[in-house]
Protein backbone atom coordinates (compact mmCIF):
# COMPACT_ATOMS: atom_id res chain seq x y z
CA MET A 1 -15.01 16.35 -97.96
CA LEU A 2 -16.77 18.46 -95.41
CA ASN A 3 -20.53 18.77 -95.44
CA ILE A 4 -20.64 22.49 -94.73
CA SER A 5 -22.89 23.71 -97.53
CA ASN A 6 -26.56 23.32 -98.24
CA ASN A 7 -25.72 21.68 -101.52
CA GLU A 8 -25.23 18.07 -100.43
CA LEU A 9 -23.01 16.73 -103.16
CA HIS A 10 -22.89 13.15 -101.86
CA LYS A 11 -26.60 12.79 -102.52
CA LYS A 12 -26.26 13.81 -106.15
CA ILE A 13 -22.99 12.07 -106.99
CA PRO A 14 -22.19 8.55 -105.66
CA LEU A 15 -18.82 9.14 -104.05
CA SER A 16 -18.29 5.44 -103.33
CA ASP A 17 -17.87 4.84 -107.05
CA PHE A 18 -14.59 6.63 -107.07
CA ASN A 19 -11.39 4.82 -106.03
CA SER A 20 -10.62 7.29 -103.28
CA GLY A 21 -14.16 6.99 -101.97
CA LYS A 22 -13.88 3.22 -101.92
CA MET A 23 -10.71 3.50 -99.85
CA VAL A 24 -12.29 5.88 -97.32
CA PHE A 25 -15.89 4.83 -96.86
CA ASN A 26 -15.47 1.05 -96.94
CA LYS A 27 -12.60 0.80 -94.42
CA ASN A 28 -13.18 -0.24 -90.65
CA TYR A 29 -11.23 1.93 -88.18
CA TYR A 30 -9.90 0.89 -84.62
CA LYS A 31 -11.20 -2.67 -84.80
CA VAL A 32 -8.45 -4.09 -82.50
CA LEU A 33 -8.81 -1.26 -79.95
CA ASN A 34 -12.54 -1.70 -79.81
CA LYS A 35 -12.16 -5.40 -79.19
CA PHE A 36 -9.61 -4.72 -76.45
CA LEU A 37 -11.88 -2.17 -74.77
CA LEU A 38 -14.79 -4.57 -74.93
CA VAL A 39 -12.78 -7.42 -73.38
CA PHE A 40 -11.37 -5.07 -70.73
CA ALA A 41 -14.85 -3.85 -69.83
CA ILE A 42 -16.07 -7.43 -69.49
CA ILE A 43 -13.09 -8.33 -67.27
CA VAL A 44 -13.63 -5.25 -65.07
CA LEU A 45 -17.31 -6.12 -64.77
CA ILE A 46 -16.43 -9.66 -63.70
CA ILE A 47 -13.83 -8.37 -61.24
CA LEU A 48 -16.42 -6.04 -59.67
CA PHE A 49 -18.39 -9.12 -58.60
CA LEU A 50 -15.37 -10.97 -57.16
CA PRO A 51 -15.28 -11.30 -53.32
CA TRP A 52 -13.25 -8.74 -51.39
CA THR A 53 -12.34 -8.99 -47.71
CA GLN A 54 -12.96 -5.73 -45.88
CA ASN A 55 -10.10 -4.80 -43.60
CA ILE A 56 -8.77 -2.26 -41.15
CA THR A 57 -5.15 -1.26 -41.60
CA GLY A 58 -2.90 0.22 -38.98
CA GLN A 59 0.71 1.09 -38.27
CA GLY A 60 2.50 -0.11 -35.15
CA GLN A 61 5.68 -1.62 -33.83
CA VAL A 62 6.98 -4.86 -32.40
CA THR A 63 6.80 -5.17 -28.61
CA THR A 64 6.51 -7.95 -26.05
CA LEU A 65 3.41 -9.69 -24.81
CA LYS A 66 4.15 -9.25 -21.09
CA PRO A 67 5.21 -5.96 -19.47
CA ASN A 68 8.10 -7.58 -17.58
CA GLN A 69 9.64 -8.72 -20.88
CA ARG A 70 9.94 -5.25 -22.41
CA PRO A 71 13.13 -3.17 -22.54
CA GLN A 72 13.65 -1.30 -19.30
CA THR A 73 16.06 1.01 -17.59
CA ILE A 74 17.80 0.34 -14.29
CA GLN A 75 17.66 3.07 -11.64
CA SER A 76 19.26 3.53 -8.26
CA GLN A 77 17.04 3.93 -5.22
CA ILE A 78 19.55 6.28 -3.61
CA PRO A 79 21.59 9.19 -4.94
CA GLY A 80 25.25 8.42 -5.45
CA ARG A 81 28.46 8.74 -7.40
CA ILE A 82 29.61 6.18 -9.97
CA GLU A 83 32.82 4.51 -8.81
CA GLU A 84 33.26 1.39 -10.98
CA TRP A 85 31.62 -0.34 -13.96
CA PHE A 86 31.52 -4.13 -14.21
CA VAL A 87 29.81 -4.47 -17.64
CA GLN A 88 29.90 -2.95 -21.08
CA GLU A 89 27.24 -2.44 -23.70
CA GLY A 90 26.15 -5.69 -25.34
CA ASN A 91 27.13 -7.93 -22.42
CA PHE A 92 24.76 -10.60 -21.18
CA VAL A 93 24.00 -10.44 -17.45
CA SER A 94 22.12 -12.86 -15.24
CA LYS A 95 19.67 -11.84 -12.57
CA GLY A 96 21.56 -10.44 -9.58
CA ASP A 97 24.82 -9.75 -11.43
CA THR A 98 26.57 -6.54 -10.38
CA ILE A 99 26.45 -3.82 -13.02
CA LEU A 100 28.22 -0.95 -11.28
CA ARG A 101 29.37 0.22 -7.85
CA ILE A 102 28.45 3.61 -6.46
CA SER A 103 29.38 5.63 -3.38
CA GLU A 104 27.46 7.91 -1.04
CA VAL A 105 27.10 11.63 -1.71
CA LYS A 106 25.21 12.55 1.49
CA SER A 107 27.38 13.53 4.47
CA GLU A 108 25.24 11.66 7.03
CA TYR A 109 26.21 8.34 5.41
CA PHE A 110 29.96 8.95 4.96
CA ASP A 111 30.94 6.97 8.09
CA ASP A 112 32.21 3.54 7.06
CA ARG A 113 31.34 2.15 10.52
CA LEU A 114 27.85 3.61 10.55
CA VAL A 115 26.16 0.20 10.77
CA GLU A 116 28.55 -0.97 13.51
CA ARG A 117 28.07 2.19 15.58
CA THR A 118 24.32 1.97 15.22
CA GLY A 119 24.50 -1.64 16.49
CA GLU A 120 26.44 -0.44 19.54
CA GLN A 121 23.78 2.19 20.20
CA ILE A 122 21.13 -0.52 19.98
CA ASN A 123 23.00 -2.66 22.53
CA ALA A 124 23.35 0.30 24.92
CA LYS A 125 19.71 1.24 24.63
CA THR A 126 18.71 -2.40 25.07
CA SER A 127 20.70 -2.52 28.32
CA SER A 128 18.95 0.66 29.41
CA VAL A 129 15.61 -1.01 28.74
CA SER A 130 16.69 -3.96 30.90
CA ALA A 131 17.74 -1.55 33.68
CA TYR A 132 14.41 0.22 33.58
CA GLN A 133 12.70 -3.17 33.63
CA GLY A 134 14.63 -4.06 36.81
CA LYS A 135 13.68 -0.73 38.37
CA VAL A 136 10.04 -1.33 37.55
CA GLU A 137 10.17 -4.77 39.13
CA ALA A 138 11.89 -3.36 42.25
CA LEU A 139 9.26 -0.65 42.57
CA ASN A 140 6.54 -3.27 42.12
CA ASN A 141 8.08 -5.27 44.98
CA GLN A 142 8.28 -2.11 47.07
CA ILE A 143 4.63 -1.35 46.40
CA VAL A 144 3.65 -4.87 47.42
CA ALA A 145 5.71 -4.56 50.62
CA LEU A 146 4.13 -1.18 51.45
CA GLN A 147 0.67 -2.60 50.87
CA GLN A 148 1.39 -5.52 53.20
CA GLU A 149 2.90 -3.19 55.81
CA ARG A 150 -0.13 -0.91 55.56
CA GLN A 151 -2.42 -3.85 56.24
CA LEU A 152 -0.40 -4.81 59.34
CA LYS A 153 -0.25 -1.22 60.58
CA LEU A 154 -3.98 -0.82 60.06
CA LYS A 155 -4.65 -4.07 61.93
CA GLN A 156 -2.40 -2.85 64.76
CA ALA A 157 -4.19 0.50 64.88
CA GLU A 158 -7.58 -1.20 64.73
CA ASN A 159 -6.56 -3.48 67.61
CA LYS A 160 -5.45 -0.44 69.58
CA LEU A 161 -8.75 1.25 68.83
CA LEU A 162 -10.58 -1.84 69.99
CA GLN A 163 -8.51 -1.90 73.19
CA SER A 164 -9.24 1.77 73.76
CA LYS A 165 -12.97 1.19 73.30
CA LEU A 166 -12.88 -1.73 75.73
CA LYS A 167 -10.92 0.41 78.21
CA VAL A 168 -13.57 3.10 77.84
CA LYS A 169 -16.20 0.54 78.73
CA SER A 170 -14.14 -0.64 81.70
CA ASP A 171 -13.49 2.89 82.93
CA SER A 172 -17.12 3.83 82.46
CA ILE A 173 -18.10 0.88 84.67
CA ASP A 174 -15.56 1.92 87.26
CA PHE A 175 -16.86 5.48 87.00
CA GLU A 176 -20.41 4.29 87.60
CA ALA A 177 -19.20 2.21 90.56
CA ALA A 178 -17.40 5.27 91.92
CA LYS A 179 -20.55 7.33 91.55
CA THR A 180 -22.49 4.61 93.39
CA ASN A 181 -19.86 4.51 96.15
CA MET A 182 -19.99 8.29 96.27
CA ALA A 183 -23.74 8.25 96.69
CA ILE A 184 -23.52 5.56 99.41
CA ALA A 185 -20.77 7.43 101.21
CA GLU A 186 -22.79 10.65 101.02
CA ARG A 187 -25.90 8.95 102.44
CA GLN A 188 -23.86 7.34 105.19
CA TYR A 189 -22.28 10.67 106.02
CA ASN A 190 -25.63 12.44 106.16
CA ARG A 191 -27.12 9.67 108.25
CA THR A 192 -24.16 9.76 110.67
CA VAL A 193 -24.42 13.56 110.95
CA THR A 194 -28.14 13.20 111.78
CA LEU A 195 -27.43 10.51 114.35
CA GLN A 196 -24.64 12.59 115.85
CA GLU A 197 -27.00 15.55 116.20
CA GLU A 198 -29.44 13.24 117.98
CA GLY A 199 -26.65 12.04 120.22
CA LEU A 200 -26.59 8.56 118.90
CA LYS A 201 -23.20 8.80 117.14
CA ALA A 202 -19.95 10.24 118.27
CA VAL A 203 -18.08 13.01 116.49
CA LYS A 204 -15.40 10.50 115.62
CA ASP A 205 -17.89 8.52 113.54
CA VAL A 206 -18.90 11.66 111.69
CA GLU A 207 -15.29 12.44 110.88
CA GLU A 208 -14.68 8.91 109.65
CA LYS A 209 -17.69 9.11 107.35
CA ARG A 210 -16.54 12.55 106.14
CA LEU A 211 -13.10 11.12 105.38
CA LYS A 212 -14.62 8.19 103.55
CA LEU A 213 -16.89 10.56 101.61
CA GLN A 214 -13.86 12.61 100.56
CA GLU A 215 -12.03 9.44 99.48
CA ASN A 216 -15.00 8.43 97.32
CA GLN A 217 -15.13 11.91 95.84
CA ALA A 218 -11.44 11.61 94.96
CA LYS A 219 -11.98 8.15 93.45
CA LEU A 220 -14.92 9.49 91.46
CA ILE A 221 -12.81 12.31 90.06
CA SER A 222 -9.98 9.85 89.32
CA GLN A 223 -12.32 7.43 87.55
CA GLU A 224 -13.78 10.30 85.56
CA ASN A 225 -10.28 11.31 84.50
CA LYS A 226 -9.51 7.74 83.52
CA LEU A 227 -12.74 7.58 81.50
CA LEU A 228 -11.92 10.80 79.69
CA ALA A 229 -8.38 9.54 79.06
CA SER A 230 -9.77 6.29 77.65
CA LYS A 231 -12.11 8.22 75.35
CA ASN A 232 -9.15 10.34 74.30
CA ASP A 233 -7.24 7.12 73.54
CA VAL A 234 -10.14 6.02 71.30
CA ILE A 235 -9.94 9.29 69.40
CA ASN A 236 -6.19 8.96 69.15
CA ALA A 237 -6.55 5.41 67.84
CA GLU A 238 -8.99 6.58 65.16
CA VAL A 239 -6.65 9.41 64.25
CA GLU A 240 -3.77 6.91 64.07
CA ILE A 241 -5.75 4.74 61.66
CA GLY A 242 -6.41 7.72 59.38
CA ARG A 243 -2.78 8.84 59.63
CA THR A 244 -1.54 5.34 58.81
CA ARG A 245 -3.79 5.12 55.80
CA ALA A 246 -2.73 8.56 54.58
CA GLU A 247 0.96 7.83 55.22
CA TYR A 248 1.01 4.54 53.35
CA THR A 249 -1.23 5.87 50.59
CA ASP A 250 1.33 8.61 50.07
CA LYS A 251 4.22 6.12 50.11
CA ILE A 252 2.45 3.73 47.73
CA SER A 253 1.45 6.60 45.43
CA LYS A 254 5.03 7.84 45.35
CA ALA A 255 6.32 4.34 44.59
CA GLN A 256 3.67 3.93 41.86
CA SER A 257 4.61 7.33 40.44
CA ASP A 258 8.26 6.25 40.34
CA MET A 259 7.22 2.98 38.74
CA PHE A 260 5.16 4.75 36.07
CA THR A 261 8.07 7.11 35.43
CA ALA A 262 10.37 4.13 35.05
CA GLN A 263 7.87 2.44 32.74
CA SER A 264 7.56 5.63 30.68
CA ASN A 265 11.33 5.83 30.38
CA GLN A 266 11.40 2.13 29.53
CA PHE A 267 8.81 2.56 26.76
CA ASP A 268 10.60 5.65 25.47
CA THR A 269 13.87 3.72 25.40
CA LYS A 270 12.13 0.81 23.65
CA ALA A 271 10.88 3.28 21.03
CA GLN A 272 14.43 4.55 20.62
CA VAL A 273 15.67 0.96 20.28
CA THR A 274 13.00 0.27 17.64
CA LYS A 275 13.98 3.42 15.75
CA LEU A 276 17.66 2.48 15.97
CA GLU A 277 16.87 -1.04 14.75
CA ASN A 278 14.95 0.49 11.85
CA ASP A 279 17.91 2.76 11.10
CA TYR A 280 20.25 -0.23 11.41
CA THR A 281 18.21 -2.22 8.85
CA ASN A 282 17.98 0.81 6.57
CA TYR A 283 21.74 1.36 6.78
CA GLN A 284 22.38 -2.30 5.96
CA LYS A 285 19.95 -2.14 3.05
CA ARG A 286 21.51 1.12 1.89
CA ASN A 287 24.97 -0.46 1.93
CA ASN A 288 23.62 -3.24 -0.30
CA LEU A 289 22.24 -0.58 -2.66
CA LEU A 290 25.76 0.68 -3.28
CA TYR A 291 26.00 -2.17 -5.81
CA VAL A 292 23.50 -1.83 -8.67
CA THR A 293 22.46 -5.31 -9.83
CA ALA A 294 20.47 -6.67 -12.77
CA PRO A 295 16.76 -7.18 -11.95
CA GLN A 296 16.51 -9.98 -14.53
CA SER A 297 18.63 -11.80 -17.08
CA GLY A 298 19.19 -9.89 -20.31
CA TYR A 299 21.52 -7.85 -22.49
CA ILE A 300 22.95 -4.44 -21.65
CA ASN A 301 21.64 -2.07 -24.31
CA LYS A 302 23.12 1.31 -23.45
CA ALA A 303 24.82 3.01 -20.52
CA LEU A 304 22.73 6.11 -19.94
CA ARG A 305 25.23 7.47 -17.39
CA GLY A 306 28.83 7.00 -18.43
CA GLY A 307 32.19 7.66 -16.87
CA ILE A 308 33.59 7.55 -13.34
CA GLY A 309 32.73 10.11 -10.68
CA VAL A 310 29.42 11.10 -12.27
CA THR A 311 26.78 11.91 -9.64
CA PHE A 312 23.09 11.26 -10.00
CA LYS A 313 19.86 11.52 -8.05
CA GLU A 314 17.64 8.71 -6.87
CA GLY A 315 15.44 7.41 -9.68
CA ASP A 316 17.76 8.60 -12.46
CA GLU A 317 18.16 6.11 -15.31
CA LEU A 318 21.62 4.54 -15.32
CA VAL A 319 21.60 1.74 -17.89
CA GLY A 320 19.15 0.06 -20.28
CA ILE A 321 18.60 -3.70 -20.35
CA MET A 322 16.69 -5.98 -22.70
CA PRO A 323 15.37 -9.24 -21.17
CA SER A 324 16.75 -12.38 -22.77
CA GLN A 325 13.47 -14.29 -22.59
CA PHE A 326 10.45 -12.66 -24.18
CA GLU A 327 7.33 -13.36 -26.21
CA LEU A 328 6.94 -11.08 -29.24
CA ALA A 329 3.79 -9.12 -29.90
CA VAL A 330 2.73 -6.18 -32.05
CA GLU A 331 1.05 -3.03 -30.84
CA THR A 332 -0.92 -1.24 -33.52
CA TYR A 333 -3.19 1.78 -33.56
CA VAL A 334 -6.62 2.04 -35.19
CA ARG A 335 -8.97 4.92 -35.79
CA PRO A 336 -11.82 5.48 -33.32
CA ILE A 337 -14.33 4.81 -36.13
CA ASP A 338 -12.85 1.32 -36.60
CA LEU A 339 -12.64 0.41 -32.91
CA PRO A 340 -16.18 -1.08 -32.56
CA LEU A 341 -15.33 -3.52 -35.38
CA LEU A 342 -12.46 -5.17 -33.47
CA HIS A 343 -12.94 -7.97 -30.94
CA ILE A 344 -10.68 -10.10 -28.79
CA GLY A 345 -9.46 -13.19 -30.65
CA GLU A 346 -9.91 -11.81 -34.18
CA LYS A 347 -7.40 -12.77 -36.90
CA VAL A 348 -4.98 -10.12 -38.14
CA ARG A 349 -2.25 -10.18 -40.80
CA VAL A 350 1.07 -8.53 -39.96
CA GLN A 351 3.78 -7.23 -42.30
CA PHE A 352 7.14 -6.53 -40.63
CA ASP A 353 9.55 -3.83 -41.75
CA GLY A 354 12.55 -5.30 -43.53
CA TRP A 355 10.74 -8.47 -44.64
CA PRO A 356 9.75 -8.52 -48.33
CA ALA A 357 6.04 -8.88 -48.86
CA ILE A 358 3.45 -8.65 -51.62
CA VAL A 359 0.22 -7.55 -49.98
CA PHE A 360 -3.32 -7.61 -51.37
CA SER A 361 -5.26 -6.33 -48.39
CA GLY A 362 -8.59 -7.59 -49.73
CA TRP A 363 -7.24 -10.99 -50.82
CA PRO A 364 -5.25 -12.30 -47.84
CA ASN A 365 -4.82 -15.72 -49.42
CA VAL A 366 -2.99 -14.16 -52.36
CA SER A 367 -0.69 -12.04 -50.19
CA TYR A 368 2.89 -13.11 -49.59
CA GLY A 369 5.22 -12.26 -46.69
CA THR A 370 2.55 -11.58 -44.07
CA TYR A 371 2.20 -13.45 -40.79
CA GLY A 372 -0.80 -14.38 -38.70
CA ALA A 373 -1.72 -12.73 -35.42
CA LYS A 374 -4.72 -12.42 -33.15
CA VAL A 375 -6.10 -9.63 -30.99
CA VAL A 376 -5.37 -10.16 -27.28
CA ALA A 377 -6.04 -6.68 -25.83
CA ILE A 378 -7.86 -3.51 -26.88
CA GLU A 379 -7.14 -0.28 -25.06
CA ASN A 380 -10.16 1.46 -23.53
CA PHE A 381 -8.66 4.96 -23.56
CA ILE A 382 -7.44 6.87 -26.58
CA SER A 383 -3.70 7.38 -27.03
CA ASP A 384 -1.84 10.65 -27.56
CA ASN A 385 -1.83 10.11 -31.31
CA GLY A 386 -5.65 10.16 -31.42
CA ARG A 387 -6.01 6.42 -32.00
CA TYR A 388 -6.70 3.35 -29.90
CA ARG A 389 -3.94 0.87 -29.11
CA VAL A 390 -4.49 -2.81 -29.95
CA LEU A 391 -2.11 -5.57 -28.83
CA LEU A 392 -1.57 -8.55 -31.13
CA ALA A 393 -0.03 -11.92 -30.27
CA PRO A 394 1.26 -14.57 -32.72
CA ASP A 395 -1.33 -16.93 -34.14
CA GLU A 396 -0.31 -20.50 -33.22
CA THR A 397 -2.20 -21.91 -36.22
CA ASP A 398 -0.22 -19.80 -38.72
CA TYR A 399 3.44 -19.52 -39.69
CA GLU A 400 5.89 -18.69 -36.94
CA TRP A 401 7.16 -15.15 -36.84
CA PRO A 402 10.76 -14.58 -38.00
CA GLU A 403 13.34 -15.11 -35.27
CA ALA A 404 15.39 -12.09 -36.34
CA ILE A 405 12.64 -9.63 -35.45
CA ARG A 406 13.72 -7.14 -32.81
CA VAL A 407 11.56 -5.29 -30.32
CA GLY A 408 10.88 -1.77 -31.56
CA SER A 409 10.86 -2.48 -35.29
CA GLY A 410 7.92 -1.26 -37.37
CA ALA A 411 4.94 -3.30 -38.47
CA ARG A 412 1.86 -2.87 -40.63
CA THR A 413 -1.32 -4.70 -39.61
CA ILE A 414 -4.42 -5.71 -41.55
CA ALA A 415 -7.51 -6.77 -39.58
CA LEU A 416 -9.81 -8.91 -41.74
CA LEU A 417 -13.59 -8.31 -41.59
CA ASN A 418 -16.51 -9.26 -43.87
CA ASP A 419 -16.32 -10.64 -47.42
CA VAL A 420 -18.16 -8.31 -49.85
CA PRO A 421 -18.14 -7.79 -53.66
CA ILE A 422 -15.51 -5.46 -55.02
CA TRP A 423 -18.12 -3.07 -56.44
CA TYR A 424 -19.57 -2.68 -52.92
CA GLU A 425 -16.11 -1.95 -51.46
CA VAL A 426 -15.41 0.63 -54.20
CA TRP A 427 -18.77 2.26 -53.53
CA ARG A 428 -18.04 2.28 -49.75
CA GLN A 429 -14.61 3.83 -50.24
CA LEU A 430 -15.95 6.51 -52.58
CA ASN A 431 -18.58 7.47 -50.01
CA SER A 432 -16.15 7.22 -47.04
CA PHE A 433 -18.43 4.77 -45.22
CA PRO A 434 -16.94 2.61 -42.42
CA PRO A 435 -16.62 -1.15 -42.93
CA ASP A 436 -19.67 -3.26 -42.17
CA TYR A 437 -20.21 -3.95 -38.48
CA TYR A 438 -20.40 -7.58 -37.53
CA SER A 439 -20.09 -9.81 -34.46
CA PRO A 440 -17.47 -12.56 -34.11
CA GLN A 441 -18.51 -16.08 -35.09
CA ILE A 442 -17.82 -17.28 -31.55
CA LYS A 443 -20.52 -15.06 -30.13
CA GLU A 444 -22.93 -16.02 -32.90
CA SER A 445 -22.41 -19.72 -32.19
CA LYS A 446 -23.01 -19.15 -28.48
CA ASP A 447 -26.22 -17.29 -29.23
CA LYS A 448 -27.40 -20.18 -31.42
CA LYS A 449 -26.70 -22.71 -28.68
CA LYS A 450 -28.71 -20.62 -26.21
């Protein structure tokens, strides 16, 4: 009965006295549901105070710990044409095994005897260097001989100059003696003429004195000529010394010029020999590059250039190889907001694609199918996907990773942080707050020791 009127009938008539009223008003509704809701509320309240491990999740893939253990491609250092394959996909190759043979595509390397001909050119140029060396030595000997001859010629000319100077002295003495004799003869002649005028000497005596005076005059002139000739010899000797020096300087300079020319040609030929030797080594190395070999032991993944007669450029990828020996690792990516919370050596749980797992991210001890890992490297520059790359290595204290894992397969990572109540984690998630920042226990223990 609805109480929609002002006349409240239930106050005037006791409805509970009727049988229908007894069935309606004295019955308890939803007693089991209420009990269930009460128990559920109590359980939820208890769960809210249970511990929850904060975590940072990320998606990544399996890789290797060291760069030289990762899948790689093999390239050729020179352009070429594929002539023969020695392997097929899936084969195991050891380091140095031949994978394929190629041939040259550049016309300057078509000669099969290119290395041999280059060696012959080196031998010829080396002989030319030896010939120039002999010419240089001969010119050096010639220069030494010219220098010795110049010294002898200069000594000879100096001796002649000294002789000429001594002859000048001798002739000057004779000239002075002739002048003295001339003066004596002139005085005697004058005295005889005076005595003849006085009658004391005969005319014959005067003529004899005149003749003697003329002889002395002739001797004086002759001695003067000899003196001038001796002085001229001195000048000639000095000129001869200068001419000898100039002559041998010119000869020595010419020989030195020839020697320097020979040395220049020798050095130029040596440079050509060095260049040819470099070409010879390069040609030998290039011939070895006609066989593409495995850089390390591993398995051939895929031939990126197939067929026979296919040409390629230097640096083009020819075949992929996976090293046989490697240490597995996982590379994962985290958001920039979570990066300050990660540290080297932290524990991380990893779930691999294809391995069944039951994961409770906040209760790692309850999870099943996850494996332990630790952070070994954190990238300092953001990746193209807008996240930071973190490298994880297996945790030696945890279960070993499955042997069937292959490089490149997917992985999901869970980095474990602080333990907080569940109600706090729910509140943090609802407000989009980052996980609590904390420092690793290792650093805290070091700080305590200090």
